[in-house]
Amino acid sequence: MAEPTPPRAGSAGPADPAGSGGGEAEGTVPTPAAAAVGPEPEPEPEPASASAPTTGVAAAVAHARPVKRDWRGQRPFWGGLLVTLGGAEILFTLRAPLPVVLHIGMQGMAGYLVPAVMVLCGVLIIFNPAQRLFYSIMAVLASLASWLTSNLGGFLFGMLLGVIGACVTFGWQPDQPLRRGRARREQRKAERRKAEQRKSEQRKSEQRPARGRAAGPAGV
């Protein structure tokens, strides 16, 4: 029988499909363009702008007044203030260094107690508006009583201030709508605040591209 002849050294073996793909992968040489491309440089952090503190202060100042007005709008502020001023005016007339002072009515403790009650009611109306009805009734009674006890109600002015303030407090409602004039003013102020916010945002957006262009050559 004839023996099989061994393969020659120069002859190629059987075709290997898997080996052909590997040969091509091993034989590829990276192109210069692919080798030149490296990892992208990390963007440099933007420097803190000097206008940031000023914008924060401006925003705080712009929102300070609306906050105060909201605080006044949640309570009968002007009614309590009138009652407080009326009681203070009566106390001032009792201790005023006038050449001629009327001393009409009961002297002593009652002359000072009634206006002190008015001042206390006015302060409580402002800082405790939940009990405004009780305080307004006490204030109007003390104001009328000052006509007999404290120099005709502080020469009539203090009594009138106390009565008007108590009536304003009694008729105040927490959910009443704003008047037309005040509603217009509030709307205009809200529009102004929105316009200022838009301008500030536009300035910030304009400053960012300028910083990117300035940092571009340094990064390259």
C-alpha atoms as a PDB file:
ATOM      1  CA  MET A   1       0.000   0.000   0.000  1.00  0.00           C
ATOM      2  CA  ALA A   2       1.171   3.498  -0.731  1.00  0.00           C
ATOM      3  CA  GLU A   3       1.918   5.639   2.328  1.00  0.00           C
ATOM      4  CA  PRO A   4       0.471   9.210   2.418  1.00  0.00           C
ATOM      5  CA  THR A   5       3.007  11.794   1.556  1.00  0.00           C
ATOM      6  CA  PRO A   6       3.693  14.417   4.271  1.00  0.00           C
ATOM      7  CA  PRO A   7       2.894  18.022   3.382  1.00  0.00           C
ATOM      8  CA  ARG A   8       5.673  20.116   2.068  1.00  0.00           C
ATOM      9  CA  ALA A   9       7.132  22.974   4.075  1.00  0.00           C
ATOM     10  CA  GLY A  10       6.110  25.633   1.578  1.00  0.00           C
ATOM     11  CA  SER A  11       2.607  24.329   0.990  1.00  0.00           C
ATOM     12  CA  ALA A  12      -0.320  26.014   2.736  1.00  0.00           C
ATOM     13  CA  GLY A  13      -2.609  23.963   4.933  1.00  0.00           C
ATOM     14  CA  PRO A  14      -6.384  23.731   4.767  1.00  0.00           C
ATOM     15  CA  ALA A  15      -8.230  27.022   4.648  1.00  0.00           C
ATOM     16  CA  ASP A  16      -9.246  28.214   8.090  1.00  0.00           C
ATOM     17  CA  PRO A  17     -12.070  30.749   7.975  1.00  0.00           C
ATOM     18  CA  ALA A  18     -11.443  31.855  11.543  1.00  0.00           C
ATOM     19  CA  GLY A  19      -7.722  32.212  10.914  1.00  0.00           C
ATOM     20  CA  SER A  20      -8.236  34.355   7.832  1.00  0.00           C
ATOM     21  CA  GLY A  21     -10.143  36.944   9.833  1.00  0.00           C
ATOM     22  CA  GLY A  22      -7.519  36.957  12.553  1.00  0.00           C
ATOM     23  CA  GLY A  23      -4.762  37.456   9.995  1.00  0.00           C
ATOM     24  CA  GLU A  24      -6.431  40.484   8.571  1.00  0.00           C
ATOM     25  CA  ALA A  25      -6.964  41.940  12.067  1.00  0.00           C
ATOM     26  CA  GLU A  26      -3.314  41.356  12.954  1.00  0.00           C
ATOM     27  CA  GLY A  27      -2.074  42.773   9.685  1.00  0.00           C
ATOM     28  CA  THR A  28      -3.945  46.107   9.919  1.00  0.00           C
ATOM     29  CA  VAL A  29      -1.837  49.136  10.712  1.00  0.00           C
ATOM     30  CA  PRO A  30      -3.429  52.139  12.547  1.00  0.00           C
ATOM     31  CA  THR A  31      -3.721  55.234  10.386  1.00  0.00           C
ATOM     32  CA  PRO A  32      -1.884  58.400  11.400  1.00  0.00           C
ATOM     33  CA  ALA A  33      -5.181  60.282  11.806  1.00  0.00           C
ATOM     34  CA  ALA A  34      -6.510  57.701  14.267  1.00  0.00           C
ATOM     35  CA  ALA A  35      -3.226  57.680  16.200  1.00  0.00           C
ATOM     36  CA  ALA A  36      -3.131  61.471  16.388  1.00  0.00           C
ATOM     37  CA  VAL A  37      -6.571  61.729  17.956  1.00  0.00           C
ATOM     38  CA  GLY A  38      -6.150  61.603  21.709  1.00  0.00           C
ATOM     39  CA  PRO A  39      -8.501  61.945  24.684  1.00  0.00           C
ATOM     40  CA  GLU A  40     -10.537  65.134  24.674  1.00  0.00           C
ATOM     41  CA  PRO A  41      -9.271  67.773  27.117  1.00  0.00           C
ATOM     42  CA  GLU A  42     -11.469  68.318  30.137  1.00  0.00           C
ATOM     43  CA  PRO A  43     -13.267  71.681  30.133  1.00  0.00           C
ATOM     44  CA  GLU A  44     -11.764  74.172  32.512  1.00  0.00           C
ATOM     45  CA  PRO A  45     -14.022  75.333  35.334  1.00  0.00           C
ATOM     46  CA  GLU A  46     -15.503  78.767  34.778  1.00  0.00           C
ATOM     47  CA  PRO A  47     -14.089  81.408  37.084  1.00  0.00           C
ATOM     48  CA  ALA A  48     -16.471  82.836  39.620  1.00  0.00           C
ATOM     49  CA  SER A  49     -17.861  86.087  38.358  1.00  0.00           C
ATOM     50  CA  ALA A  50     -17.515  89.175  40.472  1.00  0.00           C
ATOM     51  CA  SER A  51     -21.092  90.179  39.703  1.00  0.00           C
ATOM     52  CA  ALA A  52     -22.565  87.158  41.530  1.00  0.00           C
ATOM     53  CA  PRO A  53     -22.568  88.786  44.995  1.00  0.00           C
ATOM     54  CA  THR A  54     -24.035  91.993  43.610  1.00  0.00           C
ATOM     55  CA  THR A  55     -26.841  90.154  41.854  1.00  0.00           C
ATOM     56  CA  GLY A  56     -27.643  88.266  45.069  1.00  0.00           C
ATOM     57  CA  VAL A  57     -27.804  91.507  47.057  1.00  0.00           C
ATOM     58  CA  ALA A  58     -29.964  93.114  44.380  1.00  0.00           C
ATOM     59  CA  ALA A  59     -32.374  90.182  44.432  1.00  0.00           C
ATOM     60  CA  ALA A  60     -32.591  90.335  48.236  1.00  0.00           C
ATOM     61  CA  VAL A  61     -33.328  94.064  48.154  1.00  0.00           C
ATOM     62  CA  ALA A  62     -35.920  93.588  45.400  1.00  0.00           C
ATOM     63  CA  HIS A  63     -37.761  90.926  47.417  1.00  0.00           C
ATOM     64  CA  ALA A  64     -37.523  92.729  50.778  1.00  0.00           C
ATOM     65  CA  ARG A  65     -40.374  95.164  50.202  1.00  0.00           C
ATOM     66  CA  PRO A  66     -42.862  92.582  48.870  1.00  0.00           C
ATOM     67  CA  VAL A  67     -42.195  90.421  51.920  1.00  0.00           C
ATOM     68  CA  LYS A  68     -42.969  93.332  54.244  1.00  0.00           C
ATOM     69  CA  ARG A  69     -46.140  94.103  52.338  1.00  0.00           C
ATOM     70  CA  ASP A  70     -47.241  90.493  52.545  1.00  0.00           C
ATOM     71  CA  TRP A  71     -46.689  90.615  56.306  1.00  0.00           C
ATOM     72  CA  ARG A  72     -48.818  93.765  56.569  1.00  0.00           C
ATOM     73  CA  GLY A  73     -51.474  92.275  54.325  1.00  0.00           C
ATOM     74  CA  GLN A  74     -51.959  89.277  56.627  1.00  0.00           C
ATOM     75  CA  ARG A  75     -53.119  91.404  59.574  1.00  0.00           C
ATOM     76  CA  PRO A  76     -55.082  94.628  60.263  1.00  0.00           C
ATOM     77  CA  PHE A  77     -51.869  96.629  60.421  1.00  0.00           C
ATOM     78  CA  TRP A  78     -53.261 100.129  59.987  1.00  0.00           C
ATOM     79  CA  GLY A  79     -56.098  99.591  62.473  1.00  0.00           C
ATOM     80  CA  GLY A  80     -53.679  98.417  65.171  1.00  0.00           C
ATOM     81  CA  LEU A  81     -51.326 101.290  64.382  1.00  0.00           C
ATOM     82  CA  LEU A  82     -54.114 103.888  64.777  1.00  0.00           C
ATOM     83  CA  VAL A  83     -55.199 102.407  68.119  1.00  0.00           C
ATOM     84  CA  THR A  84     -51.596 102.420  69.356  1.00  0.00           C
ATOM     85  CA  LEU A  85     -51.075 106.040  68.266  1.00  0.00           C
ATOM     86  CA  GLY A  86     -54.323 107.077  69.949  1.00  0.00           C
ATOM     87  CA  GLY A  87     -53.295 105.562  73.278  1.00  0.00           C
ATOM     88  CA  ALA A  88     -49.800 107.067  73.021  1.00  0.00           C
ATOM     89  CA  GLU A  89     -51.268 110.510  72.276  1.00  0.00           C
ATOM     90  CA  ILE A  90     -53.497 110.326  75.343  1.00  0.00           C
ATOM     91  CA  LEU A  91     -50.542 109.329  77.536  1.00  0.00           C
ATOM     92  CA  PHE A  92     -48.530 112.208  76.098  1.00  0.00           C
ATOM     93  CA  THR A  93     -51.248 114.736  76.964  1.00  0.00           C
ATOM     94  CA  LEU A  94     -51.259 113.487  80.566  1.00  0.00           C
ATOM     95  CA  ARG A  95     -47.509 114.064  80.940  1.00  0.00           C
ATOM     96  CA  ALA A  96     -47.022 116.932  78.490  1.00  0.00           C
ATOM     97  CA  PRO A  97     -45.155 119.969  79.898  1.00  0.00           C
ATOM     98  CA  LEU A  98     -47.877 122.427  78.885  1.00  0.00           C
ATOM     99  CA  PRO A  99     -48.536 125.683  80.776  1.00  0.00           C
ATOM    100  CA  VAL A 100     -52.268 124.910  80.862  1.00  0.00           C
ATOM    101  CA  VAL A 101     -53.388 121.302  81.083  1.00  0.00           C
ATOM    102  CA  LEU A 102     -56.986 120.242  81.553  1.00  0.00           C
ATOM    103  CA  HIS A 103     -57.476 117.826  84.421  1.00  0.00           C
ATOM    104  CA  ILE A 104     -60.992 116.603  83.836  1.00  0.00           C
ATOM    105  CA  GLY A 105     -62.284 113.284  85.104  1.00  0.00           C
ATOM    106  CA  MET A 106     -60.904 110.756  87.530  1.00  0.00           C
ATOM    107  CA  GLN A 107     -57.280 111.330  88.410  1.00  0.00           C
ATOM    108  CA  GLY A 108     -54.747 108.715  89.384  1.00  0.00           C
ATOM    109  CA  MET A 109     -54.567 105.175  88.128  1.00  0.00           C
ATOM    110  CA  ALA A 110     -57.605 105.273  85.808  1.00  0.00           C
ATOM    111  CA  GLY A 111     -56.191 108.205  83.817  1.00  0.00           C
ATOM    112  CA  TYR A 112     -53.108 106.123  82.892  1.00  0.00           C
ATOM    113  CA  LEU A 113     -54.729 102.683  82.793  1.00  0.00           C
ATOM    114  CA  VAL A 114     -57.183 103.446  79.978  1.00  0.00           C
ATOM    115  CA  PRO A 115     -54.618 104.707  77.412  1.00  0.00           C
ATOM    116  CA  ALA A 116     -52.248 101.898  78.443  1.00  0.00           C
ATOM    117  CA  VAL A 117     -55.005  99.405  77.585  1.00  0.00           C
ATOM    118  CA  MET A 118     -55.395 101.132  74.199  1.00  0.00           C
ATOM    119  CA  VAL A 119     -51.677 100.794  73.453  1.00  0.00           C
ATOM    120  CA  LEU A 120     -51.707  97.144  74.510  1.00  0.00           C
ATOM    121  CA  CYS A 121     -54.730  96.384  72.325  1.00  0.00           C
ATOM    122  CA  GLY A 122     -53.097  98.075  69.327  1.00  0.00           C
ATOM    123  CA  VAL A 123     -49.913  96.017  69.715  1.00  0.00           C
ATOM    124  CA  LEU A 124     -51.890  92.776  70.116  1.00  0.00           C
ATOM    125  CA  ILE A 125     -53.971  93.571  67.025  1.00  0.00           C
ATOM    126  CA  ILE A 126     -50.777  93.750  64.965  1.00  0.00           C
ATOM    127  CA  PHE A 127     -48.952  90.730  66.388  1.00  0.00           C
ATOM    128  CA  ASN A 128     -51.953  88.485  67.198  1.00  0.00           C
ATOM    129  CA  PRO A 129     -54.545  89.095  64.473  1.00  0.00           C
ATOM    130  CA  ALA A 130     -56.423  85.883  65.236  1.00  0.00           C
ATOM    131  CA  GLN A 131     -58.141  87.616  68.203  1.00  0.00           C
ATOM    132  CA  ARG A 132     -58.648  90.942  66.422  1.00  0.00           C
ATOM    133  CA  LEU A 133     -62.396  91.130  67.140  1.00  0.00           C
ATOM    134  CA  PHE A 134     -61.958  90.974  70.918  1.00  0.00           C
ATOM    135  CA  TYR A 135     -59.094  93.456  70.854  1.00  0.00           C
ATOM    136  CA  SER A 136     -61.034  95.884  68.643  1.00  0.00           C
ATOM    137  CA  ILE A 137     -64.017  95.840  71.048  1.00  0.00           C
ATOM    138  CA  MET A 138     -61.725  96.451  74.011  1.00  0.00           C
ATOM    139  CA  ALA A 139     -60.001  99.268  72.125  1.00  0.00           C
ATOM    140  CA  VAL A 140     -63.225 101.101  71.246  1.00  0.00           C
ATOM    141  CA  LEU A 141     -64.475 100.815  74.849  1.00  0.00           C
ATOM    142  CA  ALA A 142     -61.173 102.143  76.208  1.00  0.00           C
ATOM    143  CA  SER A 143     -61.202 104.983  73.663  1.00  0.00           C
ATOM    144  CA  LEU A 144     -64.695 106.080  74.709  1.00  0.00           C
ATOM    145  CA  ALA A 145     -63.774 105.757  78.388  1.00  0.00           C
ATOM    146  CA  SER A 146     -60.803 108.071  77.880  1.00  0.00           C
ATOM    147  CA  TRP A 147     -63.258 110.953  77.414  1.00  0.00           C
ATOM    148  CA  LEU A 148     -63.997 110.792  81.142  1.00  0.00           C
ATOM    149  CA  THR A 149     -60.668 109.683  82.536  1.00  0.00           C
ATOM    150  CA  SER A 150     -57.873 111.211  80.462  1.00  0.00           C
ATOM    151  CA  ASN A 151     -58.213 114.895  79.514  1.00  0.00           C
ATOM    152  CA  LEU A 152     -61.251 114.522  77.259  1.00  0.00           C
ATOM    153  CA  GLY A 153     -59.674 111.630  75.389  1.00  0.00           C
ATOM    154  CA  GLY A 154     -56.353 113.375  74.804  1.00  0.00           C
ATOM    155  CA  PHE A 155     -58.044 116.580  73.628  1.00  0.00           C
ATOM    156  CA  LEU A 156     -60.350 114.501  71.411  1.00  0.00           C
ATOM    157  CA  PHE A 157     -57.586 113.446  68.983  1.00  0.00           C
ATOM    158  CA  GLY A 158     -56.489 110.302  70.800  1.00  0.00           C
ATOM    159  CA  MET A 159     -60.073 109.136  71.277  1.00  0.00           C
ATOM    160  CA  LEU A 160     -60.851 109.619  67.571  1.00  0.00           C
ATOM    161  CA  LEU A 161     -57.715 107.720  66.533  1.00  0.00           C
ATOM    162  CA  GLY A 162     -58.631 104.847  68.854  1.00  0.00           C
ATOM    163  CA  VAL A 163     -62.239 104.628  67.647  1.00  0.00           C
ATOM    164  CA  ILE A 164     -61.277 104.772  63.949  1.00  0.00           C
ATOM    165  CA  GLY A 165     -58.537 102.170  64.389  1.00  0.00           C
ATOM    166  CA  ALA A 166     -60.881  99.838  66.287  1.00  0.00           C
ATOM    167  CA  CYS A 167     -63.539 100.136  63.549  1.00  0.00           C
ATOM    168  CA  VAL A 168     -60.965  99.444  60.825  1.00  0.00           C
ATOM    169  CA  THR A 169     -59.768  96.378  62.723  1.00  0.00           C
ATOM    170  CA  PHE A 170     -63.311  95.085  63.306  1.00  0.00           C
ATOM    171  CA  GLY A 171     -64.174  95.331  59.607  1.00  0.00           C
ATOM    172  CA  TRP A 172     -60.926  93.821  58.313  1.00  0.00           C
ATOM    173  CA  GLN A 173     -61.111  90.422  56.570  1.00  0.00           C
ATOM    174  CA  PRO A 174     -58.079  88.223  55.793  1.00  0.00           C
ATOM    175  CA  ASP A 175     -59.368  86.998  52.404  1.00  0.00           C
ATOM    176  CA  GLN A 176     -60.730  90.239  51.004  1.00  0.00           C
ATOM    177  CA  PRO A 177     -59.716  91.035  47.391  1.00  0.00           C
ATOM    178  CA  LEU A 178     -57.333  93.859  46.631  1.00  0.00           C
ATOM    179  CA  ARG A 179     -58.624  97.206  45.457  1.00  0.00           C
ATOM    180  CA  ARG A 180     -58.317  97.992  41.769  1.00  0.00           C
ATOM    181  CA  GLY A 181     -55.586 100.579  42.241  1.00  0.00           C
ATOM    182  CA  ARG A 182     -53.504  98.358  44.481  1.00  0.00           C
ATOM    183  CA  ALA A 183     -54.041  95.346  42.211  1.00  0.00           C
ATOM    184  CA  ARG A 184     -52.737  97.371  39.262  1.00  0.00           C
ATOM    185  CA  ARG A 185     -49.698  98.508  41.235  1.00  0.00           C
ATOM    186  CA  GLU A 186     -48.920  94.958  42.316  1.00  0.00           C
ATOM    187  CA  GLN A 187     -49.270  93.745  38.728  1.00  0.00           C
ATOM    188  CA  ARG A 188     -46.917  96.438  37.437  1.00  0.00           C
ATOM    189  CA  LYS A 189     -44.332  95.629  40.090  1.00  0.00           C
ATOM    190  CA  ALA A 190     -44.538  91.921  39.280  1.00  0.00           C
ATOM    191  CA  GLU A 191     -43.974  92.716  35.600  1.00  0.00           C
ATOM    192  CA  ARG A 192     -40.963  94.883  36.491  1.00  0.00           C
ATOM    193  CA  ARG A 193     -39.455  92.095  38.584  1.00  0.00           C
ATOM    194  CA  LYS A 194     -39.934  89.625  35.724  1.00  0.00           C
ATOM    195  CA  ALA A 195     -38.286  92.048  33.281  1.00  0.00           C
ATOM    196  CA  GLU A 196     -35.313  92.481  35.641  1.00  0.00           C
ATOM    197  CA  GLN A 197     -34.937  88.704  35.973  1.00  0.00           C
ATOM    198  CA  ARG A 198     -34.979  88.317  32.184  1.00  0.00           C
ATOM    199  CA  LYS A 199     -32.307  90.995  31.800  1.00  0.00           C
ATOM    200  CA  SER A 200     -30.084  89.346  34.403  1.00  0.00           C
ATOM    201  CA  GLU A 201     -30.471  85.930  32.731  1.00  0.00           C
ATOM    202  CA  GLN A 202     -29.676  87.462  29.343  1.00  0.00           C
ATOM    203  CA  ARG A 203     -26.516  89.081  30.730  1.00  0.00           C
ATOM    204  CA  LYS A 204     -25.382  85.774  32.207  1.00  0.00           C
ATOM    205  CA  SER A 205     -25.988  83.962  28.912  1.00  0.00           C
ATOM    206  CA  GLU A 206     -23.973  86.617  27.057  1.00  0.00           C
ATOM    207  CA  GLN A 207     -21.061  86.367  29.497  1.00  0.00           C
ATOM    208  CA  ARG A 208     -20.735  82.565  29.227  1.00  0.00           C
ATOM    209  CA  PRO A 209     -19.783  82.409  25.477  1.00  0.00           C
ATOM    210  CA  ALA A 210     -17.265  85.229  26.017  1.00  0.00           C
ATOM    211  CA  ARG A 211     -15.576  83.242  28.791  1.00  0.00           C
ATOM    212  CA  GLY A 212     -15.531  80.112  26.583  1.00  0.00           C
ATOM    213  CA  ARG A 213     -13.828  81.969  23.728  1.00  0.00           C
ATOM    214  CA  ALA A 214     -11.262  83.431  26.111  1.00  0.00           C
ATOM    215  CA  ALA A 215     -10.450  80.017  27.597  1.00  0.00           C
ATOM    216  CA  GLY A 216     -10.343  78.287  24.156  1.00  0.00           C
ATOM    217  CA  PRO A 217      -6.786  79.270  23.002  1.00  0.00           C
ATOM    218  CA  ALA A 218      -5.308  78.507  26.422  1.00  0.00           C
ATOM    219  CA  GLY A 219      -6.794  74.987  26.390  1.00  0.00           C
ATOM    220  CA  VAL A 220      -5.487  74.301  22.883  1.00  0.00           C
END
